Amino acid sequence: MAALATALRTPVRAEFAVGAEAALAHAAPAAPMPVLVCWEHSGIPRLIQALGADQVPGTPATWPDRHDLVWMFTRRQGRWSFRELP
């Protein structure tokens, strides 16, 4: 994350920890867009639920045992969409 943030000239916010998914879900939409969240696998389903994006078609119920994926959620006019990117 640090190298990417440096390349993009953007700060890294690290005040949220696993278990604080509701607080992160509240803060992320208020931040300048786009927002990239790097999160512990076990907490990703809770974060998605806290965002209100857990019923988006195509969203997996659990994070796969991989570290090379990005789940992209986009919200437009109050509706979420989902894409999985390698």
C-alpha atoms as a PDB file:
ATOM      1  CA  MET A   1       0.000   0.000   0.000  1.00  0.00           C
ATOM      2  CA  ALA A   2       2.788   2.438   0.852  1.00  0.00           C
ATOM      3  CA  ALA A   3       4.432   2.194  -2.572  1.00  0.00           C
ATOM      4  CA  LEU A   4       1.107   2.629  -4.370  1.00  0.00           C
ATOM      5  CA  ALA A   5       0.156   5.593  -2.187  1.00  0.00           C
ATOM      6  CA  THR A   6       3.519   7.212  -2.866  1.00  0.00           C
ATOM      7  CA  ALA A   7       3.153   6.709  -6.618  1.00  0.00           C
ATOM      8  CA  LEU A   8      -0.360   8.176  -6.539  1.00  0.00           C
ATOM      9  CA  ARG A   9       0.675  10.959  -4.136  1.00  0.00           C
ATOM     10  CA  THR A  10      -2.141  10.149  -1.769  1.00  0.00           C
ATOM     11  CA  PRO A  11      -2.119   9.534   1.975  1.00  0.00           C
ATOM     12  CA  VAL A  12      -2.684   6.169   3.608  1.00  0.00           C
ATOM     13  CA  ARG A  13      -5.248   6.187   6.398  1.00  0.00           C
ATOM     14  CA  ALA A  14      -4.576   3.456   8.930  1.00  0.00           C
ATOM     15  CA  GLU A  15      -6.901   4.325  11.790  1.00  0.00           C
ATOM     16  CA  PHE A  16      -9.311   1.468  11.057  1.00  0.00           C
ATOM     17  CA  ALA A  17      -8.646  -2.057  12.291  1.00  0.00           C
ATOM     18  CA  VAL A  18     -10.359  -5.395  11.773  1.00  0.00           C
ATOM     19  CA  GLY A  19     -13.585  -5.182  13.747  1.00  0.00           C
ATOM     20  CA  ALA A  20     -14.116  -1.534  12.776  1.00  0.00           C
ATOM     21  CA  GLU A  21     -15.812  -2.356   9.477  1.00  0.00           C
ATOM     22  CA  ALA A  22     -18.881  -0.243  10.316  1.00  0.00           C
ATOM     23  CA  ALA A  23     -16.721   2.824  10.982  1.00  0.00           C
ATOM     24  CA  LEU A  24     -14.772   2.285   7.767  1.00  0.00           C
ATOM     25  CA  ALA A  25     -18.001   1.792   5.810  1.00  0.00           C
ATOM     26  CA  HIS A  26     -19.170   5.163   7.142  1.00  0.00           C
ATOM     27  CA  ALA A  27     -15.876   6.963   6.389  1.00  0.00           C
ATOM     28  CA  ALA A  28     -15.090   5.527   2.937  1.00  0.00           C
ATOM     29  CA  PRO A  29     -18.020   7.078   1.004  1.00  0.00           C
ATOM     30  CA  ALA A  30     -17.224  10.461   2.542  1.00  0.00           C
ATOM     31  CA  ALA A  31     -13.585  10.350   1.348  1.00  0.00           C
ATOM     32  CA  PRO A  32     -12.395  11.713  -1.997  1.00  0.00           C
ATOM     33  CA  MET A  33     -13.037   9.109  -4.689  1.00  0.00           C
ATOM     34  CA  PRO A  34     -11.835   6.599  -5.656  1.00  0.00           C
ATOM     35  CA  VAL A  35     -11.177   4.780  -2.369  1.00  0.00           C
ATOM     36  CA  LEU A  36      -8.970   1.696  -2.215  1.00  0.00           C
ATOM     37  CA  VAL A  37      -9.396  -0.462   0.885  1.00  0.00           C
ATOM     38  CA  CYS A  38      -6.797  -3.075   1.717  1.00  0.00           C
ATOM     39  CA  TRP A  39      -8.353  -5.316   4.351  1.00  0.00           C
ATOM     40  CA  GLU A  40      -7.931  -8.560   6.259  1.00  0.00           C
ATOM     41  CA  HIS A  41      -9.674 -11.390   4.377  1.00  0.00           C
ATOM     42  CA  SER A  42     -11.755 -12.422   7.384  1.00  0.00           C
ATOM     43  CA  GLY A  43     -13.267  -8.931   7.676  1.00  0.00           C
ATOM     44  CA  ILE A  44     -14.127  -8.332   4.022  1.00  0.00           C
ATOM     45  CA  PRO A  45     -17.625  -9.867   4.181  1.00  0.00           C
ATOM     46  CA  ARG A  46     -18.420  -7.696   7.248  1.00  0.00           C
ATOM     47  CA  LEU A  47     -17.142  -4.600   5.450  1.00  0.00           C
ATOM     48  CA  ILE A  48     -19.228  -5.321   2.366  1.00  0.00           C
ATOM     49  CA  GLN A  49     -22.284  -5.877   4.544  1.00  0.00           C
ATOM     50  CA  ALA A  50     -21.618  -2.635   6.447  1.00  0.00           C
ATOM     51  CA  LEU A  51     -21.459  -0.789   3.118  1.00  0.00           C
ATOM     52  CA  GLY A  52     -24.838  -2.254   2.212  1.00  0.00           C
ATOM     53  CA  ALA A  53     -23.341  -3.952  -0.841  1.00  0.00           C
ATOM     54  CA  ASP A  54     -23.727  -7.577   0.265  1.00  0.00           C
ATOM     55  CA  GLN A  55     -26.755  -8.233  -1.966  1.00  0.00           C
ATOM     56  CA  VAL A  56     -25.124  -7.010  -5.188  1.00  0.00           C
ATOM     57  CA  PRO A  57     -25.432  -9.677  -7.897  1.00  0.00           C
ATOM     58  CA  GLY A  58     -22.177 -11.573  -8.422  1.00  0.00           C
ATOM     59  CA  THR A  59     -20.665 -10.714  -5.055  1.00  0.00           C
ATOM     60  CA  PRO A  60     -19.059 -13.846  -3.566  1.00  0.00           C
ATOM     61  CA  ALA A  61     -20.138 -14.769  -0.041  1.00  0.00           C
ATOM     62  CA  THR A  62     -16.516 -15.190   1.092  1.00  0.00           C
ATOM     63  CA  TRP A  63     -13.154 -13.900  -0.009  1.00  0.00           C
ATOM     64  CA  PRO A  64     -11.276 -16.636  -1.883  1.00  0.00           C
ATOM     65  CA  ASP A  65      -7.911 -17.839  -0.592  1.00  0.00           C
ATOM     66  CA  ARG A  66      -6.073 -15.588  -3.052  1.00  0.00           C
ATOM     67  CA  HIS A  67      -4.051 -12.399  -2.792  1.00  0.00           C
ATOM     68  CA  ASP A  68      -4.150 -11.275  -6.409  1.00  0.00           C
ATOM     69  CA  LEU A  69      -7.718  -9.973  -6.673  1.00  0.00           C
ATOM     70  CA  VAL A  70      -9.424  -6.636  -6.350  1.00  0.00           C
ATOM     71  CA  TRP A  71     -13.129  -6.456  -5.644  1.00  0.00           C
ATOM     72  CA  MET A  72     -14.454  -3.258  -7.135  1.00  0.00           C
ATOM     73  CA  PHE A  73     -17.721  -1.850  -5.863  1.00  0.00           C
ATOM     74  CA  THR A  74     -19.112   1.200  -7.614  1.00  0.00           C
ATOM     75  CA  ARG A  75     -22.055   3.171  -6.312  1.00  0.00           C
ATOM     76  CA  ARG A  76     -24.057   5.312  -8.699  1.00  0.00           C
ATOM     77  CA  GLN A  77     -27.410   6.869  -7.915  1.00  0.00           C
ATOM     78  CA  GLY A  78     -27.672   4.815  -4.724  1.00  0.00           C
ATOM     79  CA  ARG A  79     -27.091   1.441  -6.438  1.00  0.00           C
ATOM     80  CA  TRP A  80     -23.996  -0.747  -6.082  1.00  0.00           C
ATOM     81  CA  SER A  81     -22.348  -2.742  -8.854  1.00  0.00           C
ATOM     82  CA  PHE A  82     -19.562  -5.307  -8.463  1.00  0.00           C
ATOM     83  CA  ARG A  83     -16.573  -6.441 -10.536  1.00  0.00           C
ATOM     84  CA  GLU A  84     -13.759  -8.821  -9.651  1.00  0.00           C
ATOM     85  CA  LEU A  85     -10.408  -7.777 -11.149  1.00  0.00           C
ATOM     86  CA  PRO A  86      -7.292  -9.973 -11.350  1.00  0.00           C
END
